[in-house]
Structure formats: structure tokens, C-alpha cells
Amino acid sequence: MDGAGAGAAYTARTAEEVFRDLRGRRAGMIRALTDDVDKFFKLCDPEKENLCLYGYPNETWEVTLPAEEVPPEIPEPALGINFARDGMNEKDWLALVAVHSDSWLLSVAFYFGARFGFDKETRRRLFNMINNLPTIYEVVTGAAKRQSKDKTPNTNSSSKSNKPSSKVQSRAEPRSKAKLSAPKDEEEDSGDDGSDDEEEEHDNTLCGTCGTNDGKDEFWICCDNCEKWYHGKCVKITPARAEHIKQYRCPECGNGSSNKRIKT
């Protein structure tokens, strides 16, 4: 295996550089599992030893044995992907390799993050950039295309009055239970344009704890002090408990307010 391609000559120092490295490796692995799938299938001979699928920053891929040095220069991909080739349906086997490839990309990215001393915010920024990409599994199984088609109607002017409203309600309704001021006023006073703005705002909202906007249909709660939104599960607040909270303070503001009282 080419050591430079695997990461031995890697010089990235920022989250953006690590992301570009991951994106190149990801592109190579996607090519192996889609456009070059016939070649990939033949290379994964079950009669050979433990084989791995490597993706390289220059968007190429390779099926080869794992690195001989211990410990390896970078985390190793899943071993023995060739052994299951003939014992599974081809689509299921490719999906399995895709899942392991996604796991490997994350491990490599955060290996570099630890190696280069990324702090909490830098790691969060790196994860958010990665999370905005479809996974290899989603691309290989076609889930990424289905998700794209599901989102397409929201861009059509003819459906603006219907589609966004249901989407906003599914996410904004539990939030209005948690914070009874701003969301309710916006719903009462705004028309269709307000609904579009609210949808865009909610789509761009990140949880103050985990830094993602996953779980759009889950329960969210807003801090009345800093106005940040949080997944209920991230701050351990249930919808039932939120009904009895008049003024919610997130963990950070709660700690900050107590420190201020001590100082005064």
C-alpha cells in the first residue's frame, strides 16, 4: 500500500483540511462501490487473505492487505471484506462494506483531529461538515437520492403553502410547548412568508449540546436566557416536564447564573 496515499505524508492542520482529506477518500470509496463495482467485486477474492478497501485523498481507491506496521500510521479499515462476498446477496454485501467504510472515514478524521489537537469547537465544526454529506451507505443504497426527492417539493412555488407548514409544525409545535413566547407570536402574526422564514430558521438551527439539527420531528426546548435550542434528550427534558417549566435555563446558563450570584 502506498504510504503517502494512506496518510503518512499528511500535513493537514485545520478542520477544513481534514474535511477535504475525508471528502477525497469518500469519493474514491464511493467510486469503488458504484462506478467501479465490477472491478471491486473481482478484486475481493474470498480465496485471498484479509483484504481491506482503502480510499485515498486523491479520490482513488485500492483493495489490499492491511498495513504491516504496528501500530498503523492511520486507523485500519474493516478486515476481511472479501470473505463475505459470495455468502451474501451482492447488494447487501456492498451495503455492509459501505457501512464499514463510513465508520473508517470518521475514525480517520477524528484520529487526525486528536493528532493535531483540535479543541471542542473545532471537532464540532469538523463533524458538522462531515454530517452535511450523504454517507457512503446512503449513496450506495440509493437512500441519498430518495432523501433528495423528498426535499424537492419544498422548492416548488406551488407547494409552498402546504408542504412547509406540516414540516414546520412537526418541529416547531413541541418547541412552542417548551417556550411559550416567541414561537406562538410568530405563528399567530405571520402569514405564508413567515412560515417559510420559520422553516428556514428551524432547518438551520443546531442543538446547543450536540451541535446537530438531527431529529427535526423530535422534541426541542429553548433556553429563555441565551435563546439557544436544544434536543430534549440532550438536556434530559421531556415534553411532560417542559409543561411545568415557566422559565427554562440550559445547563450552561444555569451554571453561569449560579456563579454570578456567588460573585455578587
Protein backbone atom coordinates (compact mmCIF):
# COMPACT_ATOMS: atom_id res chain seq x y z
CA MET A 1 0.00 0.00 0.00
CA ASP A 2 1.25 3.47 -0.84
CA GLY A 3 2.11 5.06 2.48
CA ALA A 4 1.70 8.60 1.18
CA GLY A 5 -1.74 7.80 -0.11
CA ALA A 6 -2.76 6.24 3.18
CA GLY A 7 -1.81 9.31 5.16
CA ALA A 8 1.87 9.03 6.09
CA ALA A 9 2.70 12.29 4.29
CA TYR A 10 -0.42 14.02 5.52
CA THR A 11 0.13 17.62 6.66
CA ALA A 12 -3.36 18.97 7.40
CA ARG A 13 -3.67 21.19 10.44
CA THR A 14 -7.19 22.62 10.22
CA ALA A 15 -10.69 21.16 10.30
CA GLU A 16 -11.21 22.25 6.69
CA GLU A 17 -8.09 20.41 5.54
CA VAL A 18 -9.10 17.25 7.39
CA PHE A 19 -12.55 17.53 5.80
CA ARG A 20 -11.02 17.82 2.32
CA ASP A 21 -8.96 14.70 3.07
CA LEU A 22 -12.09 12.82 4.13
CA ARG A 23 -14.04 14.03 1.11
CA GLY A 24 -11.34 12.74 -1.24
CA ARG A 25 -11.21 9.34 0.47
CA ARG A 26 -15.00 9.18 0.45
CA ALA A 27 -15.16 9.91 -3.29
CA GLY A 28 -12.71 7.11 -4.02
CA MET A 29 -14.63 4.58 -1.94
CA ILE A 30 -17.95 5.59 -3.48
CA ARG A 31 -16.43 5.07 -6.92
CA ALA A 32 -15.28 1.58 -5.91
CA LEU A 33 -18.78 0.63 -4.74
CA THR A 34 -20.67 2.19 -7.69
CA ASP A 35 -18.93 3.06 -10.96
CA ASP A 36 -16.08 0.55 -10.47
CA VAL A 37 -18.18 -2.08 -8.73
CA ASP A 38 -17.36 -4.89 -11.21
CA LYS A 39 -13.65 -4.35 -10.75
CA PHE A 40 -14.08 -4.08 -6.98
CA PHE A 41 -16.09 -7.33 -6.90
CA LYS A 42 -13.37 -9.25 -8.76
CA LEU A 43 -10.58 -7.90 -6.53
CA CYS A 44 -12.38 -9.09 -3.39
CA ASP A 45 -11.49 -12.74 -3.97
CA PRO A 46 -12.61 -14.85 -0.97
CA GLU A 47 -9.63 -17.16 -1.58
CA LYS A 48 -7.19 -14.37 -0.67
CA GLU A 49 -6.19 -13.24 2.81
CA ASN A 50 -7.86 -10.46 4.81
CA LEU A 51 -8.47 -7.62 2.37
CA CYS A 52 -9.40 -4.00 3.08
CA LEU A 53 -10.91 -1.22 0.98
CA TYR A 54 -8.84 1.97 1.23
CA GLY A 55 -9.88 5.39 -0.03
CA TYR A 56 -7.17 7.97 -0.70
CA PRO A 57 -7.24 11.79 -0.56
CA ASN A 58 -6.76 11.98 -4.36
CA GLU A 59 -10.17 10.26 -4.85
CA THR A 60 -8.70 6.87 -5.76
CA TRP A 61 -9.29 3.51 -4.07
CA GLU A 62 -7.45 0.25 -3.50
CA VAL A 63 -8.28 -3.25 -2.28
CA THR A 64 -5.23 -4.57 -0.49
CA LEU A 65 -3.88 -6.20 2.67
CA PRO A 66 -3.77 -4.15 5.88
CA ALA A 67 -0.63 -2.26 6.80
CA GLU A 68 2.12 -4.41 8.28
CA GLU A 69 3.46 -1.83 10.74
CA VAL A 70 2.08 -1.88 14.28
CA PRO A 71 0.56 0.44 15.23
CA PRO A 72 -0.53 1.54 11.74
CA GLU A 73 0.01 5.08 10.51
CA ILE A 74 -3.75 5.70 10.46
CA PRO A 75 -6.72 3.58 11.67
CA GLU A 76 -7.29 0.49 9.53
CA PRO A 77 -10.48 -0.22 7.53
CA ALA A 78 -12.56 -3.33 8.22
CA LEU A 79 -10.59 -6.53 7.63
CA GLY A 80 -11.78 -9.45 5.53
CA ILE A 81 -14.42 -7.75 3.40
CA ASN A 82 -13.68 -10.37 0.73
CA PHE A 83 -14.72 -13.36 2.89
CA ALA A 84 -18.42 -12.43 2.90
CA ARG A 85 -18.62 -11.66 -0.82
CA ASP A 86 -20.02 -14.98 -2.01
CA GLY A 87 -22.06 -15.71 1.09
CA MET A 88 -24.38 -12.70 0.78
CA ASN A 89 -26.61 -11.02 -1.75
CA GLU A 90 -24.36 -8.62 -3.70
CA LYS A 91 -26.37 -5.53 -2.78
CA ASP A 92 -26.34 -6.49 0.90
CA TRP A 93 -22.61 -7.13 0.76
CA LEU A 94 -21.92 -3.76 -0.86
CA ALA A 95 -24.13 -2.06 1.74
CA LEU A 96 -22.15 -3.80 4.51
CA VAL A 97 -18.84 -2.63 3.03
CA ALA A 98 -20.31 0.88 2.74
CA VAL A 99 -21.26 0.95 6.44
CA HIS A 100 -17.76 -0.10 7.47
CA SER A 101 -16.31 2.48 5.07
CA ASP A 102 -18.34 5.26 6.73
CA SER A 103 -17.06 4.15 10.13
CA TRP A 104 -13.49 4.14 8.86
CA LEU A 105 -13.75 7.66 7.42
CA LEU A 106 -14.97 9.01 10.75
CA SER A 107 -12.21 7.23 12.66
CA VAL A 108 -9.55 8.62 10.32
CA ALA A 109 -10.93 12.16 10.50
CA PHE A 110 -11.07 12.21 14.29
CA TYR A 111 -7.70 10.47 14.54
CA PHE A 112 -6.28 13.50 12.74
CA GLY A 113 -8.35 15.74 15.00
CA ALA A 114 -6.75 14.18 18.07
CA ARG A 115 -3.31 14.13 16.48
CA PHE A 116 -3.45 17.83 15.67
CA GLY A 117 -5.02 18.83 18.98
CA PHE A 118 -8.42 20.04 17.78
CA ASP A 119 -10.43 21.63 20.56
CA LYS A 120 -14.13 21.03 21.20
CA GLU A 121 -15.38 23.70 18.79
CA THR A 122 -13.03 22.60 16.01
CA ARG A 123 -14.15 18.98 16.40
CA ARG A 124 -17.78 20.11 16.30
CA ARG A 125 -17.14 22.14 13.15
CA LEU A 126 -15.44 19.14 11.54
CA PHE A 127 -18.33 16.83 12.45
CA ASN A 128 -20.93 19.27 11.11
CA MET A 129 -19.11 19.49 7.77
CA ILE A 130 -18.96 15.70 7.58
CA ASN A 131 -22.58 15.34 8.64
CA ASN A 132 -23.75 17.55 5.79
CA LEU A 133 -22.51 14.94 3.30
CA PRO A 134 -24.58 11.85 2.49
CA THR A 135 -22.94 8.76 3.92
CA ILE A 136 -21.38 6.19 1.61
CA TYR A 137 -24.13 3.81 2.71
CA GLU A 138 -26.82 6.31 1.67
CA VAL A 139 -25.19 6.77 -1.73
CA VAL A 140 -24.67 3.05 -2.38
CA THR A 141 -28.18 2.02 -1.31
CA GLY A 142 -29.89 4.93 -3.06
CA ALA A 143 -31.16 6.46 0.18
CA ALA A 144 -29.43 9.76 -0.64
CA LYS A 145 -31.42 10.09 -3.90
CA ARG A 146 -34.67 9.26 -2.12
CA GLN A 147 -33.97 11.90 0.52
CA SER A 148 -33.21 14.43 -2.22
CA LYS A 149 -36.51 13.65 -3.97
CA ASP A 150 -38.39 14.03 -0.69
CA LYS A 151 -36.95 17.52 -0.25
CA THR A 152 -37.57 18.63 -3.85
CA PRO A 153 -41.30 19.54 -3.46
CA ASN A 154 -40.40 22.16 -0.83
CA THR A 155 -38.68 24.23 -3.55
CA ASN A 156 -41.72 24.32 -5.81
CA SER A 157 -43.74 27.52 -5.53
CA SER A 158 -46.99 25.60 -5.98
CA SER A 159 -46.46 23.65 -2.77
CA LYS A 160 -45.07 26.41 -0.55
CA SER A 161 -48.43 26.96 1.12
CA ASN A 162 -48.80 23.28 2.09
CA LYS A 163 -45.53 21.39 2.36
CA PRO A 164 -43.54 23.70 4.66
CA SER A 165 -46.42 24.11 7.09
CA SER A 166 -46.56 20.42 8.02
CA LYS A 167 -42.79 20.26 8.29
CA VAL A 168 -42.60 23.36 10.49
CA GLN A 169 -45.39 22.18 12.75
CA SER A 170 -43.74 18.83 13.34
CA ARG A 171 -40.67 20.60 14.63
CA ALA A 172 -41.97 23.90 15.94
CA GLU A 173 -45.04 22.59 17.77
CA PRO A 174 -43.14 20.83 20.57
CA ARG A 175 -40.84 23.82 20.79
CA SER A 176 -43.78 26.12 21.41
CA LYS A 177 -44.66 23.98 24.39
CA ALA A 178 -41.21 24.47 25.80
CA LYS A 179 -41.04 28.22 25.16
CA LEU A 180 -44.42 29.91 25.07
CA SER A 181 -43.47 33.41 23.93
CA ALA A 182 -41.71 33.91 20.56
CA PRO A 183 -42.83 30.81 18.62
CA LYS A 184 -46.52 31.39 19.37
CA ASP A 185 -46.40 35.05 18.38
CA GLU A 186 -44.70 34.17 15.12
CA GLU A 187 -47.34 31.56 14.33
CA GLU A 188 -50.22 33.96 15.04
CA ASP A 189 -48.87 37.10 13.36
CA SER A 190 -47.05 35.76 10.33
CA GLY A 191 -48.55 34.59 7.05
CA ASP A 192 -47.12 32.29 4.41
CA ASP A 193 -43.88 34.28 4.23
CA GLY A 194 -43.49 33.92 7.95
CA SER A 195 -43.92 30.16 7.66
CA ASP A 196 -41.19 29.99 5.04
CA ASP A 197 -38.85 32.08 7.21
CA GLU A 198 -39.63 29.94 10.24
CA GLU A 199 -38.96 26.75 8.28
CA GLU A 200 -35.61 28.07 7.10
CA GLU A 201 -34.72 29.17 10.64
CA HIS A 202 -35.58 25.76 12.08
CA ASP A 203 -33.72 23.93 9.33
CA ASN A 204 -30.60 25.93 10.19
CA THR A 205 -30.97 25.56 13.95
CA LEU A 206 -28.31 23.49 15.69
CA CYS A 207 -28.70 21.88 19.08
CA GLY A 208 -26.64 23.77 21.65
CA THR A 209 -25.41 20.49 23.16
CA CYS A 210 -24.66 18.09 20.28
CA GLY A 211 -24.22 20.69 17.54
CA THR A 212 -26.53 18.99 15.01
CA ASN A 213 -30.03 19.59 13.69
CA ASP A 214 -30.91 15.90 13.52
CA GLY A 215 -34.27 14.76 14.80
CA LYS A 216 -36.39 17.52 13.27
CA ASP A 217 -39.52 15.73 14.45
CA GLU A 218 -38.20 15.26 17.97
CA PHE A 219 -38.95 17.42 20.99
CA TRP A 220 -36.82 20.59 21.29
CA ILE A 221 -36.64 23.17 24.07
CA CYS A 222 -35.34 26.75 24.02
CA CYS A 223 -33.36 28.44 26.80
CA ASP A 224 -35.13 31.61 27.92
CA ASN A 225 -31.81 33.18 28.79
CA CYS A 226 -29.48 32.56 25.82
CA GLU A 227 -32.26 31.65 23.31
CA LYS A 228 -30.43 28.54 22.11
CA TRP A 229 -32.44 25.46 21.10
CA TYR A 230 -31.69 22.01 22.49
CA HIS A 231 -32.86 18.46 21.80
CA GLY A 232 -34.95 17.48 24.79
CA LYS A 233 -32.99 14.24 25.08
CA CYS A 234 -29.66 16.13 25.12
CA VAL A 235 -30.67 18.16 28.19
CA LYS A 236 -32.85 15.41 29.69
CA ILE A 237 -36.11 17.35 29.43
CA THR A 238 -39.28 15.54 28.36
CA PRO A 239 -42.36 17.26 26.87
CA ALA A 240 -44.31 16.43 30.02
CA ARG A 241 -41.68 18.02 32.24
CA ALA A 242 -41.44 21.08 29.96
CA GLU A 243 -45.14 21.81 30.56
CA HIS A 244 -44.32 22.64 34.19
CA ILE A 245 -41.27 24.82 33.48
CA LYS A 246 -42.07 28.55 33.41
CA GLN A 247 -38.56 29.81 32.66
CA TYR A 248 -36.14 27.22 31.25
CA ARG A 249 -32.40 27.74 31.61
CA CYS A 250 -29.99 25.46 29.78
CA PRO A 251 -27.12 23.78 31.68
CA GLU A 252 -24.65 26.50 30.62
CA CYS A 253 -26.87 29.41 31.65
CA GLY A 254 -27.88 27.62 34.83
CA ASN A 255 -24.25 27.28 35.83
CA GLY A 256 -23.47 30.82 34.74
CA SER A 257 -26.31 32.34 36.73
CA SER A 258 -25.31 30.48 39.88
CA ASN A 259 -21.72 31.68 39.55
CA LYS A 260 -22.88 35.26 39.16
CA ARG A 261 -24.89 35.06 42.36
CA ILE A 262 -21.88 33.71 44.21
CA LYS A 263 -19.66 36.53 42.92
CA THR A 264 -22.12 39.26 43.94
